[in-house]
Amino acid sequence: MALGFVLVKISPKKEKEVYEKLAELEEIEELYPLFGEYDLIAKIVVRDFEELSDVVVNKIRSLDGVIETKTLTGAKF
């Protein structure tokens, strides 16, 4: 099992739209707004790091309004 925390930077005025789209993704277990350099943090739990990469690249970064992501990875104990 792979665990990832994805920090997401969003274009101004697109925060709510991106939040709502990310909240629909089944791979995202938790999603929180942030203040500071990044606008959201998403907790993702998937089978392996290949699937984590797929979620970040194809489901998060591809959204209109997403400027940048930073992924922190780990394993569940």
PDB file of N, CA and C in Angstrom:
ATOM      1  N   MET A   1       0.847  -1.173   0.000  1.00  0.00           N
ATOM      2  CA  MET A   1       0.000   0.000   0.000  1.00  0.00           C
ATOM      3  C   MET A   1       0.895   1.238   0.000  1.00  0.00           C
ATOM      4  N   ALA A   2       0.547   2.222  -0.813  1.00  0.00           N
ATOM      5  CA  ALA A   2       1.315   3.457  -0.906  1.00  0.00           C
ATOM      6  C   ALA A   2       0.490   4.625  -0.369  1.00  0.00           C
ATOM      7  N   LEU A   3       1.162   5.508   0.316  1.00  0.00           N
ATOM      8  CA  LEU A   3       0.543   6.678   0.916  1.00  0.00           C
ATOM      9  C   LEU A   3       1.216   7.911   0.359  1.00  0.00           C
ATOM     10  N   GLY A   4       0.424   8.884  -0.049  1.00  0.00           N
ATOM     11  CA  GLY A   4       0.978  10.133  -0.550  1.00  0.00           C
ATOM     12  C   GLY A   4       0.202  11.323  -0.029  1.00  0.00           C
ATOM     13  N   PHE A   5       0.934  12.372   0.260  1.00  0.00           N
ATOM     14  CA  PHE A   5       0.331  13.659   0.589  1.00  0.00           C
ATOM     15  C   PHE A   5       0.710  14.595  -0.540  1.00  0.00           C
ATOM     16  N   VAL A   6      -0.290  15.146  -1.202  1.00  0.00           N
ATOM     17  CA  VAL A   6      -0.039  15.986  -2.367  1.00  0.00           C
ATOM     18  C   VAL A   6      -0.418  17.426  -2.034  1.00  0.00           C
ATOM     19  N   LEU A   7       0.578  18.307  -2.117  1.00  0.00           N
ATOM     20  CA  LEU A   7       0.350  19.738  -1.966  1.00  0.00           C
ATOM     21  C   LEU A   7       0.000  20.287  -3.341  1.00  0.00           C
ATOM     22  N   VAL A   8      -1.044  21.109  -3.406  1.00  0.00           N
ATOM     23  CA  VAL A   8      -1.541  21.592  -4.692  1.00  0.00           C
ATOM     24  C   VAL A   8      -1.604  23.117  -4.685  1.00  0.00           C
ATOM     25  N   LYS A   9      -0.976  23.724  -5.688  1.00  0.00           N
ATOM     26  CA  LYS A   9      -1.039  25.170  -5.886  1.00  0.00           C
ATOM     27  C   LYS A   9      -2.029  25.428  -7.019  1.00  0.00           C
ATOM     28  N   ILE A  10      -2.962  26.367  -6.794  1.00  0.00           N
ATOM     29  CA  ILE A  10      -4.075  26.591  -7.713  1.00  0.00           C
ATOM     30  C   ILE A  10      -4.106  28.047  -8.176  1.00  0.00           C
ATOM     31  N   SER A  11      -4.548  28.244  -9.409  1.00  0.00           N
ATOM     32  CA  SER A  11      -4.724  29.599  -9.951  1.00  0.00           C
ATOM     33  C   SER A  11      -5.736  30.364  -9.101  1.00  0.00           C
ATOM     34  N   PRO A  12      -5.510  31.661  -8.938  1.00  0.00           N
ATOM     35  CA  PRO A  12      -6.483  32.465  -8.197  1.00  0.00           C
ATOM     36  C   PRO A  12      -7.891  32.319  -8.786  1.00  0.00           C
ATOM     37  N   LYS A  13      -8.860  32.267  -7.897  1.00  0.00           N
ATOM     38  CA  LYS A  13     -10.286  32.159  -8.221  1.00  0.00           C
ATOM     39  C   LYS A  13     -10.703  30.790  -8.759  1.00  0.00           C
ATOM     40  N   LYS A  14      -9.803  29.815  -8.761  1.00  0.00           N
ATOM     41  CA  LYS A  14     -10.136  28.451  -9.198  1.00  0.00           C
ATOM     42  C   LYS A  14     -10.137  27.476  -8.018  1.00  0.00           C
ATOM     43  N   GLU A  15      -9.866  27.989  -6.811  1.00  0.00           N
ATOM     44  CA  GLU A  15      -9.701  27.122  -5.640  1.00  0.00           C
ATOM     45  C   GLU A  15     -10.926  26.248  -5.378  1.00  0.00           C
ATOM     46  N   LYS A  16     -12.097  26.841  -5.359  1.00  0.00           N
ATOM     47  CA  LYS A  16     -13.312  26.083  -5.040  1.00  0.00           C
ATOM     48  C   LYS A  16     -13.590  25.028  -6.111  1.00  0.00           C
ATOM     49  N   GLU A  17     -13.435  25.405  -7.375  1.00  0.00           N
ATOM     50  CA  GLU A  17     -13.679  24.479  -8.484  1.00  0.00           C
ATOM     51  C   GLU A  17     -12.742  23.267  -8.419  1.00  0.00           C
ATOM     52  N   VAL A  18     -11.458  23.517  -8.174  1.00  0.00           N
ATOM     53  CA  VAL A  18     -10.487  22.428  -8.083  1.00  0.00           C
ATOM     54  C   VAL A  18     -10.775  21.566  -6.855  1.00  0.00           C
ATOM     55  N   TYR A  19     -11.078  22.200  -5.721  1.00  0.00           N
ATOM     56  CA  TYR A  19     -11.408  21.460  -4.506  1.00  0.00           C
ATOM     57  C   TYR A  19     -12.562  20.490  -4.768  1.00  0.00           C
ATOM     58  N   GLU A  20     -13.620  20.974  -5.396  1.00  0.00           N
ATOM     59  CA  GLU A  20     -14.796  20.140  -5.653  1.00  0.00           C
ATOM     60  C   GLU A  20     -14.472  18.959  -6.566  1.00  0.00           C
ATOM     61  N   LYS A  21     -13.646  19.179  -7.578  1.00  0.00           N
ATOM     62  CA  LYS A  21     -13.262  18.095  -8.484  1.00  0.00           C
ATOM     63  C   LYS A  21     -12.389  17.062  -7.776  1.00  0.00           C
ATOM     64  N   LEU A  22     -11.462  17.531  -6.957  1.00  0.00           N
ATOM     65  CA  LEU A  22     -10.601  16.602  -6.224  1.00  0.00           C
ATOM     66  C   LEU A  22     -11.390  15.804  -5.189  1.00  0.00           C
ATOM     67  N   ALA A  23     -12.362  16.427  -4.569  1.00  0.00           N
ATOM     68  CA  ALA A  23     -13.173  15.744  -3.559  1.00  0.00           C
ATOM     69  C   ALA A  23     -13.940  14.562  -4.149  1.00  0.00           C
ATOM     70  N   GLU A  24     -14.158  14.558  -5.447  1.00  0.00           N
ATOM     71  CA  GLU A  24     -14.871  13.466  -6.116  1.00  0.00           C
ATOM     72  C   GLU A  24     -13.986  12.248  -6.391  1.00  0.00           C
ATOM     73  N   LEU A  25     -12.668  12.412  -6.322  1.00  0.00           N
ATOM     74  CA  LEU A  25     -11.758  11.304  -6.636  1.00  0.00           C
ATOM     75  C   LEU A  25     -11.743  10.281  -5.504  1.00  0.00           C
ATOM     76  N   GLU A  26     -11.998   9.037  -5.822  1.00  0.00           N
ATOM     77  CA  GLU A  26     -12.072   7.985  -4.801  1.00  0.00           C
ATOM     78  C   GLU A  26     -10.732   7.722  -4.129  1.00  0.00           C
ATOM     79  N   GLU A  27      -9.626   8.014  -4.817  1.00  0.00           N
ATOM     80  CA  GLU A  27      -8.300   7.755  -4.251  1.00  0.00           C
ATOM     81  C   GLU A  27      -7.919   8.753  -3.153  1.00  0.00           C
ATOM     82  N   ILE A  28      -8.605   9.894  -3.137  1.00  0.00           N
ATOM     83  CA  ILE A  28      -8.306  10.915  -2.126  1.00  0.00           C
ATOM     84  C   ILE A  28      -9.136  10.629  -0.885  1.00  0.00           C
ATOM     85  N   GLU A  29      -8.443  10.283   0.210  1.00  0.00           N
ATOM     86  CA  GLU A  29      -9.127   9.958   1.465  1.00  0.00           C
ATOM     87  C   GLU A  29      -9.453  11.203   2.284  1.00  0.00           C
ATOM     88  N   GLU A  30      -8.574  12.202   2.205  1.00  0.00           N
ATOM     89  CA  GLU A  30      -8.783  13.447   2.943  1.00  0.00           C
ATOM     90  C   GLU A  30      -8.302  14.604   2.076  1.00  0.00           C
ATOM     91  N   LEU A  31      -8.974  15.755   2.223  1.00  0.00           N
ATOM     92  CA  LEU A  31      -8.636  16.931   1.439  1.00  0.00           C
ATOM     93  C   LEU A  31      -8.874  18.170   2.290  1.00  0.00           C
ATOM     94  N   TYR A  32      -7.849  19.014   2.414  1.00  0.00           N
ATOM     95  CA  TYR A  32      -7.943  20.190   3.268  1.00  0.00           C
ATOM     96  C   TYR A  32      -7.419  21.433   2.559  1.00  0.00           C
ATOM     97  N   PRO A  33      -8.116  22.566   2.732  1.00  0.00           N
ATOM     98  CA  PRO A  33      -7.580  23.832   2.233  1.00  0.00           C
ATOM     99  C   PRO A  33      -6.421  24.294   3.124  1.00  0.00           C
ATOM    100  N   LEU A  34      -5.490  25.011   2.542  1.00  0.00           N
ATOM    101  CA  LEU A  34      -4.332  25.528   3.265  1.00  0.00           C
ATOM    102  C   LEU A  34      -4.202  27.026   3.029  1.00  0.00           C
ATOM    103  N   PHE A  35      -3.441  27.684   3.879  1.00  0.00           N
ATOM    104  CA  PHE A  35      -3.051  29.066   3.668  1.00  0.00           C
ATOM    105  C   PHE A  35      -1.539  29.074   3.527  1.00  0.00           C
ATOM    106  N   GLY A  36      -1.036  29.810   2.563  1.00  0.00           N
ATOM    107  CA  GLY A  36       0.408  29.857   2.372  1.00  0.00           C
ATOM    108  C   GLY A  36       0.780  29.545   0.943  1.00  0.00           C
ATOM    109  N   GLU A  37       1.928  28.922   0.771  1.00  0.00           N
ATOM    110  CA  GLU A  37       2.464  28.647  -0.560  1.00  0.00           C
ATOM    111  C   GLU A  37       1.554  27.730  -1.382  1.00  0.00           C
ATOM    112  N   TYR A  38       0.938  26.746  -0.737  1.00  0.00           N
ATOM    113  CA  TYR A  38       0.035  25.819  -1.421  1.00  0.00           C
ATOM    114  C   TYR A  38      -1.392  26.051  -0.937  1.00  0.00           C
ATOM    115  N   ASP A  39      -2.356  25.681  -1.780  1.00  0.00           N
ATOM    116  CA  ASP A  39      -3.767  25.950  -1.491  1.00  0.00           C
ATOM    117  C   ASP A  39      -4.524  24.753  -0.913  1.00  0.00           C
ATOM    118  N   LEU A  40      -4.082  23.530  -1.266  1.00  0.00           N
ATOM    119  CA  LEU A  40      -4.742  22.313  -0.779  1.00  0.00           C
ATOM    120  C   LEU A  40      -3.711  21.260  -0.440  1.00  0.00           C
ATOM    121  N   ILE A  41      -4.108  20.348   0.462  1.00  0.00           N
ATOM    122  CA  ILE A  41      -3.330  19.135   0.686  1.00  0.00           C
ATOM    123  C   ILE A  41      -4.300  17.961   0.602  1.00  0.00           C
ATOM    124  N   ALA A  42      -3.887  16.947  -0.155  1.00  0.00           N
ATOM    125  CA  ALA A  42      -4.713  15.755  -0.350  1.00  0.00           C
ATOM    126  C   ALA A  42      -3.967  14.533   0.165  1.00  0.00           C
ATOM    127  N   LYS A  43      -4.663  13.712   0.929  1.00  0.00           N
ATOM    128  CA  LYS A  43      -4.106  12.440   1.381  1.00  0.00           C
ATOM    129  C   LYS A  43      -4.618  11.356   0.443  1.00  0.00           C
ATOM    130  N   ILE A  44      -3.674  10.647  -0.184  1.00  0.00           N
ATOM    131  CA  ILE A  44      -4.020   9.616  -1.160  1.00  0.00           C
ATOM    132  C   ILE A  44      -3.487   8.271  -0.680  1.00  0.00           C
ATOM    133  N   VAL A  45      -4.337   7.252  -0.692  1.00  0.00           N
ATOM    134  CA  VAL A  45      -3.931   5.890  -0.354  1.00  0.00           C
ATOM    135  C   VAL A  45      -4.306   5.004  -1.537  1.00  0.00           C
ATOM    136  N   VAL A  46      -3.279   4.346  -2.103  1.00  0.00           N
ATOM    137  CA  VAL A  46      -3.471   3.497  -3.280  1.00  0.00           C
ATOM    138  C   VAL A  46      -2.649   2.212  -3.131  1.00  0.00           C
ATOM    139  N   ARG A  47      -2.734   1.334  -4.118  1.00  0.00           N
ATOM    140  CA  ARG A  47      -2.047   0.041  -4.067  1.00  0.00           C
ATOM    141  C   ARG A  47      -0.527   0.168  -4.068  1.00  0.00           C
ATOM    142  N   ASP A  48      -0.007   1.024  -4.959  1.00  0.00           N
ATOM    143  CA  ASP A  48       1.446   1.121  -5.109  1.00  0.00           C
ATOM    144  C   ASP A  48       1.826   2.509  -5.622  1.00  0.00           C
ATOM    145  N   PHE A  49       3.140   2.743  -5.719  1.00  0.00           N
ATOM    146  CA  PHE A  49       3.607   4.069  -6.117  1.00  0.00           C
ATOM    147  C   PHE A  49       3.332   4.359  -7.590  1.00  0.00           C
ATOM    148  N   GLU A  50       3.195   3.337  -8.389  1.00  0.00           N
ATOM    149  CA  GLU A  50       2.828   3.540  -9.799  1.00  0.00           C
ATOM    150  C   GLU A  50       1.421   4.125  -9.893  1.00  0.00           C
ATOM    151  N   GLU A  51       0.506   3.600  -9.091  1.00  0.00           N
ATOM    152  CA  GLU A  51      -0.858   4.133  -9.079  1.00  0.00           C
ATOM    153  C   GLU A  51      -0.878   5.542  -8.503  1.00  0.00           C
ATOM    154  N   LEU A  52      -0.058   5.794  -7.496  1.00  0.00           N
ATOM    155  CA  LEU A  52       0.036   7.136  -6.929  1.00  0.00           C
ATOM    156  C   LEU A  52       0.485   8.129  -7.996  1.00  0.00           C
ATOM    157  N   SER A  53       1.496   7.756  -8.755  1.00  0.00           N
ATOM    158  CA  SER A  53       1.986   8.601  -9.843  1.00  0.00           C
ATOM    159  C   SER A  53       0.885   8.869 -10.858  1.00  0.00           C
ATOM    160  N   ASP A  54       0.118   7.851 -11.200  1.00  0.00           N
ATOM    161  CA  ASP A  54      -0.975   7.998 -12.157  1.00  0.00           C
ATOM    162  C   ASP A  54      -2.020   8.986 -11.651  1.00  0.00           C
ATOM    163  N   VAL A  55      -2.381   8.886 -10.385  1.00  0.00           N
ATOM    164  CA  VAL A  55      -3.376   9.797  -9.814  1.00  0.00           C
ATOM    165  C   VAL A  55      -2.861  11.229  -9.866  1.00  0.00           C
ATOM    166  N   VAL A  56      -1.614  11.442  -9.455  1.00  0.00           N
ATOM    167  CA  VAL A  56      -1.059  12.801  -9.422  1.00  0.00           C
ATOM    168  C   VAL A  56      -0.967  13.376 -10.833  1.00  0.00           C
ATOM    169  N   VAL A  57      -0.389  12.623 -11.746  1.00  0.00           N
ATOM    170  CA  VAL A  57      -0.150  13.146 -13.098  1.00  0.00           C
ATOM    171  C   VAL A  57      -1.437  13.259 -13.911  1.00  0.00           C
ATOM    172  N   ASN A  58      -2.249  12.224 -13.905  1.00  0.00           N
ATOM    173  CA  ASN A  58      -3.403  12.181 -14.807  1.00  0.00           C
ATOM    174  C   ASN A  58      -4.715  12.691 -14.222  1.00  0.00           C
ATOM    175  N   LYS A  59      -4.828  12.728 -12.903  1.00  0.00           N
ATOM    176  CA  LYS A  59      -6.092  13.160 -12.312  1.00  0.00           C
ATOM    177  C   LYS A  59      -5.992  14.497 -11.574  1.00  0.00           C
ATOM    178  N   ILE A  60      -4.816  14.831 -11.068  1.00  0.00           N
ATOM    179  CA  ILE A  60      -4.677  16.090 -10.332  1.00  0.00           C
ATOM    180  C   ILE A  60      -4.040  17.167 -11.204  1.00  0.00           C
ATOM    181  N   ARG A  61      -2.855  16.902 -11.716  1.00  0.00           N
ATOM    182  CA  ARG A  61      -2.158  17.914 -12.526  1.00  0.00           C
ATOM    183  C   ARG A  61      -2.900  18.281 -13.799  1.00  0.00           C
ATOM    184  N   SER A  62      -3.744  17.397 -14.288  1.00  0.00           N
ATOM    185  CA  SER A  62      -4.465  17.660 -15.534  1.00  0.00           C
ATOM    186  C   SER A  62      -5.670  18.589 -15.344  1.00  0.00           C
ATOM    187  N   LEU A  63      -6.045  18.865 -14.095  1.00  0.00           N
ATOM    188  CA  LEU A  63      -7.203  19.725 -13.849  1.00  0.00           C
ATOM    189  C   LEU A  63      -6.904  21.173 -14.200  1.00  0.00           C
ATOM    190  N   ASP A  64      -7.880  21.815 -14.829  1.00  0.00           N
ATOM    191  CA  ASP A  64      -7.767  23.233 -15.132  1.00  0.00           C
ATOM    192  C   ASP A  64      -7.673  24.019 -13.824  1.00  0.00           C
ATOM    193  N   GLY A  65      -6.660  24.840 -13.706  1.00  0.00           N
ATOM    194  CA  GLY A  65      -6.472  25.640 -12.502  1.00  0.00           C
ATOM    195  C   GLY A  65      -5.334  25.160 -11.624  1.00  0.00           C
ATOM    196  N   VAL A  66      -4.895  23.919 -11.803  1.00  0.00           N
ATOM    197  CA  VAL A  66      -3.769  23.410 -11.019  1.00  0.00           C
ATOM    198  C   VAL A  66      -2.481  23.923 -11.648  1.00  0.00           C
ATOM    199  N   ILE A  67      -1.702  24.644 -10.846  1.00  0.00           N
ATOM    200  CA  ILE A  67      -0.443  25.237 -11.316  1.00  0.00           C
ATOM    201  C   ILE A  67       0.732  24.324 -11.016  1.00  0.00           C
ATOM    202  N   GLU A  68       0.726  23.736  -9.812  1.00  0.00           N
ATOM    203  CA  GLU A  68       1.894  22.974  -9.360  1.00  0.00           C
ATOM    204  C   GLU A  68       1.457  21.980  -8.289  1.00  0.00           C
ATOM    205  N   THR A  69       2.185  20.860  -8.226  1.00  0.00           N
ATOM    206  CA  THR A  69       1.965  19.910  -7.130  1.00  0.00           C
ATOM    207  C   THR A  69       3.319  19.523  -6.544  1.00  0.00           C
ATOM    208  N   LYS A  70       3.282  19.098  -5.304  1.00  0.00           N
ATOM    209  CA  LYS A  70       4.461  18.522  -4.640  1.00  0.00           C
ATOM    210  C   LYS A  70       3.955  17.311  -3.884  1.00  0.00           C
ATOM    211  N   THR A  71       4.552  16.149  -4.152  1.00  0.00           N
ATOM    212  CA  THR A  71       4.094  14.901  -3.552  1.00  0.00           C
ATOM    213  C   THR A  71       5.087  14.396  -2.535  1.00  0.00           C
ATOM    214  N   LEU A  72       4.594  14.118  -1.345  1.00  0.00           N
ATOM    215  CA  LEU A  72       5.375  13.515  -0.258  1.00  0.00           C
ATOM    216  C   LEU A  72       4.879  12.094  -0.130  1.00  0.00           C
ATOM    217  N   THR A  73       5.781  11.131  -0.187  1.00  0.00           N
ATOM    218  CA  THR A  73       5.358   9.731  -0.172  1.00  0.00           C
ATOM    219  C   THR A  73       5.851   8.998   1.061  1.00  0.00           C
ATOM    220  N   GLY A  74       5.183   7.899   1.325  1.00  0.00           N
ATOM    221  CA  GLY A  74       5.566   7.054   2.445  1.00  0.00           C
ATOM    222  C   GLY A  74       4.825   5.742   2.347  1.00  0.00           C
ATOM    223  N   ALA A  75       5.010   4.912   3.331  1.00  0.00           N
ATOM    224  CA  ALA A  75       4.332   3.627   3.391  1.00  0.00           C
ATOM    225  C   ALA A  75       3.542   3.556   4.685  1.00  0.00           C
ATOM    226  N   LYS A  76       2.415   2.885   4.648  1.00  0.00           N
ATOM    227  CA  LYS A  76       1.606   2.708   5.852  1.00  0.00           C
ATOM    228  C   LYS A  76       2.211   1.605   6.704  1.00  0.00           C
ATOM    229  N   PHE A  77       2.292   1.836   7.994  1.00  0.00           N
ATOM    230  CA  PHE A  77       2.820   0.821   8.917  1.00  0.00           C
ATOM    231  C   PHE A  77       1.704  -0.059   9.425  1.00  0.00           C
TER     232      PHE A  77
END
